[in-house]
Structures are given as C-alpha cells and as structure tokens.
Amino acid sequence: MCGRYVLQRDPAGLVRYFGASPPVPNHPASWNMAPTQPGLVLRRNPETGTRHLDVLRWGLVPHWSRDATAGARMINARGETLAEKPSFRDAFRKRRCLVPMDAFYEWAQDSAPKQPFAVALRNGAPMVAAGLWEGWKQPDGGWLKTYSVITCASSGRQARLHPRIPAFLGPEDWPAWLGETPAEADALTALLRPIADENLAFWPVAARVGRVMENDAYLLEPAPIEGWPELRDAPPDWERPLEPAAP
C-alpha cells in the first residue's frame, strides 16, 4: 500500500519533466504527504490534449458519494479490481492520472514496533505512480477533486515490507495511461506491475515519520537500526537537475 510519501521537487521542474503546459501550480514541498492532504497530480485535458500538473486532494471521493468522508479510506486502489469496483471503475475508464513522488514510506510488517523504511528510485528520478481522479460536487456547488494511488502485488525485497506497492509507470507507458493513445482495459491493467527491485533503493528512517505533523527533509536521513541488511541502500542523489523525460 502507500500511506505516506515524499514530493520535495520544484513544481516548475516537474512541469518540464512531464512536458506539461502552464500554469505551474503553487504547491510546497512535503516530506510526509498524508491522506486528505493536497498533492500534485498529472492529468490530460481531453479538449486540448495537453498535460497539466494540478493540485488535488489525496483520497478519492466517488462522484456518487453522499459526502466526502469516503476519501480518507480510498487513498489506494487495487490494480487487479479497478474495472469491477464501483468506487473506481468510472475513473478507470475516464479519469486516469499520474502521481509523482520522490519516495514513499512503508512500515515493515514483521518487526515490533514496526520499522519505517523509505523507498526511492536509485537514480534519483521521480517515481510516477498510476492513479485515478474524481470530481465530487459539494453542497455549496463547488467541486472537490480527489485522487487515489493504484497499487499492485509486491515482489522481491519489496515484499519484505508489505504485500502491496504503488504501481509505477515509465515514460513509455504514460501516453496510454493518460488516454493520449488508445488502449483497451486489459492492456492498461497489464501496465500495473511491480517495479524491478534493482531499480529501487531501500533504507530505514526514524519512527517520527509516523506522526503527520513531522514534515522536514531530515525524515529521509538513514536511521541507525540493527538487522535488515538487505534494506540498507544509500539514499539517491536528488540534487541533480531534472531533465525532461524521454517520450
């Protein structure tokens, strides 16, 4: 699953990276993104065909919901059942998006107390998760726009932490997922697979990441713990300039 993540990059750099159109959203860096908070999401405008980076609230609220409380429970969507679940099937057909991250946090299931780890791409590039978004009409007539991160079954070292992991997509898969190129439902679900372990870096972090009010760059510092030798990679270098992604 994905219940906390990091997005520390400048939104202007992400706009260039994704080949998105202006404007650049005003969104601060976060080292501890939590459910119901606003996050950056890449969507395609079906009228213009252009990509846009927008601010939506994390936790999908289906358009038919009576109220917005369901969003806190729908931060993730299982990739295997998107086409059948009433909460997600409309968005899967019409409102797919991409969710950029620099890293995400996961808590080891077989440690007591549960030890948090950070997970990122070894090369320091953004992690781009498949997502869904929805619009829900509020009682005052305004629209609440929300999103969910899609997950798939874990494999390799990832499975040591949790049986689920965000379904990350490479640049070659973005056009199909965003609806820029035609793709059948089966072809889209086939994209939702675990990323190869060799592309990921894992390292332990301090337990304070579990507190939502804690939000600073030091959360990504490796924590001195015993054990878990297979999950002791060095954090990536996020300081390198972000080049536009290859089409």
C-alpha atoms as a PDB file:
ATOM      1  CA  MET A   1       0.000   0.000   0.000  1.00  0.00           C
ATOM      2  CA  CYS A   2       1.003   3.648   0.022  1.00  0.00           C
ATOM      3  CA  GLY A   3       0.003   5.711   3.050  1.00  0.00           C
ATOM      4  CA  ARG A   4       2.780   8.327   3.195  1.00  0.00           C
ATOM      5  CA  TYR A   5       5.104   9.723   0.547  1.00  0.00           C
ATOM      6  CA  VAL A   6       7.564  12.482  -0.300  1.00  0.00           C
ATOM      7  CA  LEU A   7       7.395  15.142  -3.001  1.00  0.00           C
ATOM      8  CA  GLN A   8      10.112  17.707  -2.466  1.00  0.00           C
ATOM      9  CA  ARG A   9      10.800  18.864  -6.027  1.00  0.00           C
ATOM     10  CA  ASP A  10      10.035  22.262  -7.508  1.00  0.00           C
ATOM     11  CA  PRO A  11       6.695  22.067  -9.399  1.00  0.00           C
ATOM     12  CA  ALA A  12       8.235  24.024 -12.294  1.00  0.00           C
ATOM     13  CA  GLY A  13      10.790  21.240 -12.761  1.00  0.00           C
ATOM     14  CA  LEU A  14       8.039  18.639 -12.763  1.00  0.00           C
ATOM     15  CA  VAL A  15       6.100  20.581 -15.393  1.00  0.00           C
ATOM     16  CA  ARG A  16       9.169  20.445 -17.645  1.00  0.00           C
ATOM     17  CA  TYR A  17       9.821  16.799 -16.798  1.00  0.00           C
ATOM     18  CA  PHE A  18       6.315  15.737 -17.827  1.00  0.00           C
ATOM     19  CA  GLY A  19       6.068  18.046 -20.829  1.00  0.00           C
ATOM     20  CA  ALA A  20       3.044  19.683 -19.216  1.00  0.00           C
ATOM     21  CA  SER A  21       1.502  23.012 -20.146  1.00  0.00           C
ATOM     22  CA  PRO A  22       1.420  26.109 -17.900  1.00  0.00           C
ATOM     23  CA  PRO A  23       0.439  27.284 -15.401  1.00  0.00           C
ATOM     24  CA  VAL A  24       2.838  25.938 -12.798  1.00  0.00           C
ATOM     25  CA  PRO A  25       0.870  25.047  -9.642  1.00  0.00           C
ATOM     26  CA  ASN A  26       1.776  26.623  -6.330  1.00  0.00           C
ATOM     27  CA  HIS A  27       2.475  23.676  -4.063  1.00  0.00           C
ATOM     28  CA  PRO A  28       5.046  23.448  -1.252  1.00  0.00           C
ATOM     29  CA  ALA A  29       7.487  20.593  -0.785  1.00  0.00           C
ATOM     30  CA  SER A  30       6.346  17.833   1.569  1.00  0.00           C
ATOM     31  CA  TRP A  31       8.446  15.114   3.185  1.00  0.00           C
ATOM     32  CA  ASN A  32       5.426  13.467   4.797  1.00  0.00           C
ATOM     33  CA  MET A  33       2.429  13.558   2.483  1.00  0.00           C
ATOM     34  CA  ALA A  34      -0.580  12.086   4.301  1.00  0.00           C
ATOM     35  CA  PRO A  35      -4.140  11.167   3.284  1.00  0.00           C
ATOM     36  CA  THR A  36      -6.626  14.048   2.799  1.00  0.00           C
ATOM     37  CA  GLN A  37      -3.767  16.489   2.136  1.00  0.00           C
ATOM     38  CA  PRO A  38      -3.365  18.252  -1.248  1.00  0.00           C
ATOM     39  CA  GLY A  39      -0.912  16.680  -3.680  1.00  0.00           C
ATOM     40  CA  LEU A  40       0.305  17.156  -7.248  1.00  0.00           C
ATOM     41  CA  VAL A  41      -1.283  15.054  -9.989  1.00  0.00           C
ATOM     42  CA  LEU A  42      -0.649  14.980 -13.743  1.00  0.00           C
ATOM     43  CA  ARG A  43      -3.804  14.883 -15.865  1.00  0.00           C
ATOM     44  CA  ARG A  44      -4.629  15.208 -19.555  1.00  0.00           C
ATOM     45  CA  ASN A  45      -7.145  17.781 -20.749  1.00  0.00           C
ATOM     46  CA  PRO A  46      -9.373  15.842 -23.190  1.00  0.00           C
ATOM     47  CA  GLU A  47     -10.380  19.024 -25.064  1.00  0.00           C
ATOM     48  CA  THR A  48      -6.870  20.319 -25.773  1.00  0.00           C
ATOM     49  CA  GLY A  49      -4.910  17.083 -25.454  1.00  0.00           C
ATOM     50  CA  THR A  50      -2.364  18.834 -23.225  1.00  0.00           C
ATOM     51  CA  ARG A  51      -0.928  17.636 -19.936  1.00  0.00           C
ATOM     52  CA  HIS A  52      -1.428  19.668 -16.780  1.00  0.00           C
ATOM     53  CA  LEU A  53       0.023  19.388 -13.280  1.00  0.00           C
ATOM     54  CA  ASP A  54      -2.760  20.114 -10.806  1.00  0.00           C
ATOM     55  CA  VAL A  55      -3.357  20.164  -7.060  1.00  0.00           C
ATOM     56  CA  LEU A  56      -5.943  17.599  -5.906  1.00  0.00           C
ATOM     57  CA  ARG A  57      -6.773  16.108  -2.505  1.00  0.00           C
ATOM     58  CA  TRP A  58      -5.411  12.649  -1.698  1.00  0.00           C
ATOM     59  CA  GLY A  59      -8.248  10.177  -1.047  1.00  0.00           C
ATOM     60  CA  LEU A  60     -10.705   9.538  -3.860  1.00  0.00           C
ATOM     61  CA  VAL A  61     -14.335  10.547  -3.350  1.00  0.00           C
ATOM     62  CA  PRO A  62     -16.574   8.843  -5.969  1.00  0.00           C
ATOM     63  CA  HIS A  63     -18.842  11.237  -7.845  1.00  0.00           C
ATOM     64  CA  TRP A  64     -21.932   9.465  -6.461  1.00  0.00           C
ATOM     65  CA  SER A  65     -20.915   9.712  -2.786  1.00  0.00           C
ATOM     66  CA  ARG A  66     -23.310  11.340  -0.342  1.00  0.00           C
ATOM     67  CA  ASP A  67     -20.451  13.032   1.476  1.00  0.00           C
ATOM     68  CA  ALA A  68     -16.671  13.381   1.280  1.00  0.00           C
ATOM     69  CA  THR A  69     -15.778  11.172   4.233  1.00  0.00           C
ATOM     70  CA  ALA A  70     -15.061   8.170   1.985  1.00  0.00           C
ATOM     71  CA  GLY A  71     -11.897   9.850   0.700  1.00  0.00           C
ATOM     72  CA  ALA A  72      -9.871   9.063   3.803  1.00  0.00           C
ATOM     73  CA  ARG A  73     -10.428   5.335   3.133  1.00  0.00           C
ATOM     74  CA  MET A  74      -9.764   5.419  -0.620  1.00  0.00           C
ATOM     75  CA  ILE A  75      -6.173   6.593  -0.781  1.00  0.00           C
ATOM     76  CA  ASN A  76      -5.218   3.411  -2.662  1.00  0.00           C
ATOM     77  CA  ALA A  77      -6.942   1.348  -5.358  1.00  0.00           C
ATOM     78  CA  ARG A  78      -6.064  -2.280  -6.108  1.00  0.00           C
ATOM     79  CA  GLY A  79      -4.983  -2.566  -9.730  1.00  0.00           C
ATOM     80  CA  GLU A  80      -6.465  -6.046 -10.098  1.00  0.00           C
ATOM     81  CA  THR A  81     -10.055  -4.918  -9.464  1.00  0.00           C
ATOM     82  CA  LEU A  82     -10.286  -1.431 -10.971  1.00  0.00           C
ATOM     83  CA  ALA A  83     -12.721  -2.459 -13.700  1.00  0.00           C
ATOM     84  CA  GLU A  84     -15.191  -4.061 -11.254  1.00  0.00           C
ATOM     85  CA  LYS A  85     -15.153  -1.904  -8.117  1.00  0.00           C
ATOM     86  CA  PRO A  86     -17.989   0.680  -8.177  1.00  0.00           C
ATOM     87  CA  SER A  87     -15.763   3.215  -6.416  1.00  0.00           C
ATOM     88  CA  PHE A  88     -13.108   3.114  -9.146  1.00  0.00           C
ATOM     89  CA  ARG A  89     -14.465   1.714 -12.412  1.00  0.00           C
ATOM     90  CA  ASP A  90     -15.758   5.018 -13.829  1.00  0.00           C
ATOM     91  CA  ALA A  91     -12.485   6.768 -13.046  1.00  0.00           C
ATOM     92  CA  PHE A  92     -10.540   3.850 -14.531  1.00  0.00           C
ATOM     93  CA  ARG A  93     -12.393   4.286 -17.820  1.00  0.00           C
ATOM     94  CA  LYS A  94     -12.320   8.086 -17.998  1.00  0.00           C
ATOM     95  CA  ARG A  95     -10.152   9.763 -15.352  1.00  0.00           C
ATOM     96  CA  ARG A  96      -6.712   8.228 -15.096  1.00  0.00           C
ATOM     97  CA  CYS A  97      -3.782  10.300 -13.848  1.00  0.00           C
ATOM     98  CA  LEU A  98      -0.157  10.094 -12.729  1.00  0.00           C
ATOM     99  CA  VAL A  99       1.057  10.814  -9.198  1.00  0.00           C
ATOM    100  CA  PRO A 100       4.699  11.972  -8.868  1.00  0.00           C
ATOM    101  CA  MET A 101       6.709  11.071  -5.772  1.00  0.00           C
ATOM    102  CA  ASP A 102      10.337  11.331  -4.759  1.00  0.00           C
ATOM    103  CA  ALA A 103       9.989   8.471  -2.292  1.00  0.00           C
ATOM    104  CA  PHE A 104       7.382   6.670  -0.253  1.00  0.00           C
ATOM    105  CA  TYR A 105       7.406   5.208   3.246  1.00  0.00           C
ATOM    106  CA  GLU A 106       6.478   1.702   4.282  1.00  0.00           C
ATOM    107  CA  TRP A 107       6.480   0.006   7.657  1.00  0.00           C
ATOM    108  CA  ALA A 108       7.983  -3.481   7.951  1.00  0.00           C
ATOM    109  CA  GLN A 109       5.197  -5.883   8.881  1.00  0.00           C
ATOM    110  CA  ASP A 110       7.346  -8.377  10.818  1.00  0.00           C
ATOM    111  CA  SER A 111       9.065  -6.049  13.269  1.00  0.00           C
ATOM    112  CA  ALA A 112       7.849  -4.892  16.671  1.00  0.00           C
ATOM    113  CA  PRO A 113       7.494  -1.988  16.832  1.00  0.00           C
ATOM    114  CA  LYS A 114       7.066  -1.670  13.066  1.00  0.00           C
ATOM    115  CA  GLN A 115      10.170  -0.134  11.500  1.00  0.00           C
ATOM    116  CA  PRO A 116       9.587   2.518   8.801  1.00  0.00           C
ATOM    117  CA  PHE A 117      11.636   2.476   5.596  1.00  0.00           C
ATOM    118  CA  ALA A 118      11.955   4.935   2.735  1.00  0.00           C
ATOM    119  CA  VAL A 119      11.848   3.643  -0.841  1.00  0.00           C
ATOM    120  CA  ALA A 120      13.015   5.622  -3.899  1.00  0.00           C
ATOM    121  CA  LEU A 121      14.466   5.139  -7.360  1.00  0.00           C
ATOM    122  CA  ARG A 122      18.210   4.537  -7.224  1.00  0.00           C
ATOM    123  CA  ASN A 123      18.861   7.074  -9.983  1.00  0.00           C
ATOM    124  CA  GLY A 124      17.036   9.875  -8.150  1.00  0.00           C
ATOM    125  CA  ALA A 125      14.375  10.314 -10.839  1.00  0.00           C
ATOM    126  CA  PRO A 126      10.763  10.936  -9.828  1.00  0.00           C
ATOM    127  CA  MET A 127       8.669   7.876  -9.076  1.00  0.00           C
ATOM    128  CA  VAL A 128       5.491   8.140 -11.156  1.00  0.00           C
ATOM    129  CA  ALA A 129       2.575   6.108  -9.820  1.00  0.00           C
ATOM    130  CA  ALA A 130      -0.546   5.244 -11.760  1.00  0.00           C
ATOM    131  CA  GLY A 131      -3.562   6.973 -10.265  1.00  0.00           C
ATOM    132  CA  LEU A 132      -7.246   7.790 -10.661  1.00  0.00           C
ATOM    133  CA  TRP A 133      -9.020  11.060 -10.026  1.00  0.00           C
ATOM    134  CA  GLU A 134     -12.614  12.125  -9.465  1.00  0.00           C
ATOM    135  CA  GLY A 135     -14.730  15.240  -9.122  1.00  0.00           C
ATOM    136  CA  TRP A 136     -17.377  15.410  -6.390  1.00  0.00           C
ATOM    137  CA  LYS A 137     -19.942  18.186  -6.258  1.00  0.00           C
ATOM    138  CA  GLN A 138     -20.015  19.735  -2.801  1.00  0.00           C
ATOM    139  CA  PRO A 139     -23.185  21.005  -1.098  1.00  0.00           C
ATOM    140  CA  ASP A 140     -22.144  24.605  -1.850  1.00  0.00           C
ATOM    141  CA  GLY A 141     -21.952  23.821  -5.571  1.00  0.00           C
ATOM    142  CA  GLY A 142     -18.154  23.768  -5.782  1.00  0.00           C
ATOM    143  CA  TRP A 143     -16.153  20.783  -6.967  1.00  0.00           C
ATOM    144  CA  LEU A 144     -13.836  18.727  -4.778  1.00  0.00           C
ATOM    145  CA  LYS A 145     -11.229  16.969  -6.924  1.00  0.00           C
ATOM    146  CA  THR A 146      -9.520  13.963  -5.381  1.00  0.00           C
ATOM    147  CA  TYR A 147      -7.158  11.150  -6.354  1.00  0.00           C
ATOM    148  CA  SER A 148      -6.100   7.635  -5.408  1.00  0.00           C
ATOM    149  CA  VAL A 149      -2.761   5.829  -5.877  1.00  0.00           C
ATOM    150  CA  ILE A 150      -3.020   2.434  -7.579  1.00  0.00           C
ATOM    151  CA  THR A 151      -1.184  -0.490  -6.025  1.00  0.00           C
ATOM    152  CA  CYS A 152      -0.109  -3.928  -7.226  1.00  0.00           C
ATOM    153  CA  ALA A 153       1.369  -7.034  -5.598  1.00  0.00           C
ATOM    154  CA  SER A 154       4.916  -6.634  -4.283  1.00  0.00           C
ATOM    155  CA  SER A 155       7.838  -8.819  -5.263  1.00  0.00           C
ATOM    156  CA  GLY A 156      11.461  -9.314  -4.200  1.00  0.00           C
ATOM    157  CA  ARG A 157      12.739  -7.093  -1.397  1.00  0.00           C
ATOM    158  CA  GLN A 158       9.588  -5.023  -1.619  1.00  0.00           C
ATOM    159  CA  ALA A 159       7.592  -7.946  -0.236  1.00  0.00           C
ATOM    160  CA  ARG A 160       9.707  -7.902   2.947  1.00  0.00           C
ATOM    161  CA  LEU A 161       7.989  -4.650   3.848  1.00  0.00           C
ATOM    162  CA  HIS A 162       4.430  -5.035   2.586  1.00  0.00           C
ATOM    163  CA  PRO A 163       2.472  -7.233   0.142  1.00  0.00           C
ATOM    164  CA  ARG A 164       1.397  -4.159  -1.865  1.00  0.00           C
ATOM    165  CA  ILE A 165       3.393  -1.421  -3.611  1.00  0.00           C
ATOM    166  CA  PRO A 166       2.414   1.559  -5.790  1.00  0.00           C
ATOM    167  CA  ALA A 167       2.224   0.667  -9.487  1.00  0.00           C
ATOM    168  CA  PHE A 168       4.922   2.874 -11.014  1.00  0.00           C
ATOM    169  CA  LEU A 169       4.891   3.633 -14.745  1.00  0.00           C
ATOM    170  CA  GLY A 170       7.798   4.541 -17.018  1.00  0.00           C
ATOM    171  CA  PRO A 171       7.583   7.366 -19.595  1.00  0.00           C
ATOM    172  CA  GLU A 172       6.800   4.848 -22.349  1.00  0.00           C
ATOM    173  CA  ASP A 173       3.539   3.961 -20.542  1.00  0.00           C
ATOM    174  CA  TRP A 174       2.328   7.479 -19.741  1.00  0.00           C
ATOM    175  CA  PRO A 175       0.561   8.173 -23.071  1.00  0.00           C
ATOM    176  CA  ALA A 176      -1.616   5.061 -22.797  1.00  0.00           C
ATOM    177  CA  TRP A 177      -2.428   5.628 -19.141  1.00  0.00           C
ATOM    178  CA  LEU A 178      -3.332   9.286 -19.679  1.00  0.00           C
ATOM    179  CA  GLY A 179      -5.511   8.434 -22.686  1.00  0.00           C
ATOM    180  CA  GLU A 180      -3.251  10.095 -25.238  1.00  0.00           C
ATOM    181  CA  THR A 181      -3.067   6.845 -27.196  1.00  0.00           C
ATOM    182  CA  PRO A 182      -5.895   4.278 -27.376  1.00  0.00           C
ATOM    183  CA  ALA A 183      -5.614   1.244 -25.118  1.00  0.00           C
ATOM    184  CA  GLU A 184      -8.051  -1.471 -24.025  1.00  0.00           C
ATOM    185  CA  ALA A 185      -8.740  -2.101 -20.341  1.00  0.00           C
ATOM    186  CA  ASP A 186      -6.716  -5.326 -20.362  1.00  0.00           C
ATOM    187  CA  ALA A 187      -3.698  -3.535 -21.816  1.00  0.00           C
ATOM    188  CA  LEU A 188      -3.949  -0.839 -19.151  1.00  0.00           C
ATOM    189  CA  THR A 189      -4.176  -3.277 -16.253  1.00  0.00           C
ATOM    190  CA  ALA A 190      -1.164  -5.133 -17.675  1.00  0.00           C
ATOM    191  CA  LEU A 191       0.884  -1.980 -17.001  1.00  0.00           C
ATOM    192  CA  LEU A 192       0.178  -2.247 -13.264  1.00  0.00           C
ATOM    193  CA  ARG A 193       3.073  -4.431 -12.196  1.00  0.00           C
ATOM    194  CA  PRO A 194       5.786  -4.128  -9.513  1.00  0.00           C
ATOM    195  CA  ILE A 195       8.907  -2.222 -10.431  1.00  0.00           C
ATOM    196  CA  ALA A 196      12.129  -4.260 -10.546  1.00  0.00           C
ATOM    197  CA  ASP A 197      13.999  -4.398  -7.231  1.00  0.00           C
ATOM    198  CA  GLU A 198      17.297  -3.414  -8.842  1.00  0.00           C
ATOM    199  CA  ASN A 199      15.806  -0.016  -9.685  1.00  0.00           C
ATOM    200  CA  LEU A 200      14.892   0.735  -6.080  1.00  0.00           C
ATOM    201  CA  ALA A 201      16.777   1.922  -3.012  1.00  0.00           C
ATOM    202  CA  PHE A 202      15.536   0.984   0.481  1.00  0.00           C
ATOM    203  CA  TRP A 203      16.763   2.414   3.785  1.00  0.00           C
ATOM    204  CA  PRO A 204      15.450   2.685   7.373  1.00  0.00           C
ATOM    205  CA  VAL A 205      14.208   6.024   8.685  1.00  0.00           C
ATOM    206  CA  ALA A 206      13.258   7.370  12.114  1.00  0.00           C
ATOM    207  CA  ALA A 207       9.942   6.408  13.701  1.00  0.00           C
ATOM    208  CA  ARG A 208       8.829  10.044  13.891  1.00  0.00           C
ATOM    209  CA  VAL A 209       7.733   9.808  10.246  1.00  0.00           C
ATOM    210  CA  GLY A 210       4.629   8.135  11.641  1.00  0.00           C
ATOM    211  CA  ARG A 211       3.480  11.470  13.100  1.00  0.00           C
ATOM    212  CA  VAL A 212       1.698  13.572  10.479  1.00  0.00           C
ATOM    213  CA  MET A 213       2.875  16.850  11.997  1.00  0.00           C
ATOM    214  CA  GLU A 214       6.517  15.890  11.400  1.00  0.00           C
ATOM    215  CA  ASN A 215       7.477  17.258   7.990  1.00  0.00           C
ATOM    216  CA  ASP A 216      11.090  18.109   7.191  1.00  0.00           C
ATOM    217  CA  ALA A 217      13.925  16.872   4.989  1.00  0.00           C
ATOM    218  CA  TYR A 218      15.587  15.088   7.920  1.00  0.00           C
ATOM    219  CA  LEU A 219      12.849  12.452   7.774  1.00  0.00           C
ATOM    220  CA  LEU A 220      14.800  10.949   4.856  1.00  0.00           C
ATOM    221  CA  GLU A 221      18.004  10.545   6.860  1.00  0.00           C
ATOM    222  CA  PRO A 222      19.014   6.873   7.310  1.00  0.00           C
ATOM    223  CA  ALA A 223      18.239   5.659  10.823  1.00  0.00           C
ATOM    224  CA  PRO A 224      20.748   3.618  12.860  1.00  0.00           C
ATOM    225  CA  ILE A 225      18.995   0.295  13.422  1.00  0.00           C
ATOM    226  CA  GLU A 226      20.081  -3.314  13.765  1.00  0.00           C
ATOM    227  CA  GLY A 227      19.232  -6.009  11.262  1.00  0.00           C
ATOM    228  CA  TRP A 228      17.647  -5.691   7.818  1.00  0.00           C
ATOM    229  CA  PRO A 229      20.989  -5.796   5.913  1.00  0.00           C
ATOM    230  CA  GLU A 230      19.196  -6.273   2.577  1.00  0.00           C
ATOM    231  CA  LEU A 231      17.341  -2.972   3.058  1.00  0.00           C
ATOM    232  CA  ARG A 232      20.295  -0.682   3.754  1.00  0.00           C
ATOM    233  CA  ASP A 233      20.879   1.092   0.432  1.00  0.00           C
ATOM    234  CA  ALA A 234      22.199   4.635   0.205  1.00  0.00           C
ATOM    235  CA  PRO A 235      19.560   7.316  -0.487  1.00  0.00           C
ATOM    236  CA  PRO A 236      19.650   8.613  -4.072  1.00  0.00           C
ATOM    237  CA  ASP A 237      21.037  11.958  -5.193  1.00  0.00           C
ATOM    238  CA  TRP A 238      18.058  14.253  -5.668  1.00  0.00           C
ATOM    239  CA  GLU A 239      20.221  17.318  -6.301  1.00  0.00           C
ATOM    240  CA  ARG A 240      20.907  16.622  -9.968  1.00  0.00           C
ATOM    241  CA  PRO A 241      18.957  18.812 -12.424  1.00  0.00           C
ATOM    242  CA  LEU A 242      15.736  17.198 -13.588  1.00  0.00           C
ATOM    243  CA  GLU A 243      15.808  16.685 -17.351  1.00  0.00           C
ATOM    244  CA  PRO A 244      12.606  16.254 -19.401  1.00  0.00           C
ATOM    245  CA  ALA A 245      11.571  12.618 -19.522  1.00  0.00           C
ATOM    246  CA  ALA A 246      12.134  10.756 -22.765  1.00  0.00           C
ATOM    247  CA  PRO A 247       8.892  10.328 -24.731  1.00  0.00           C
END
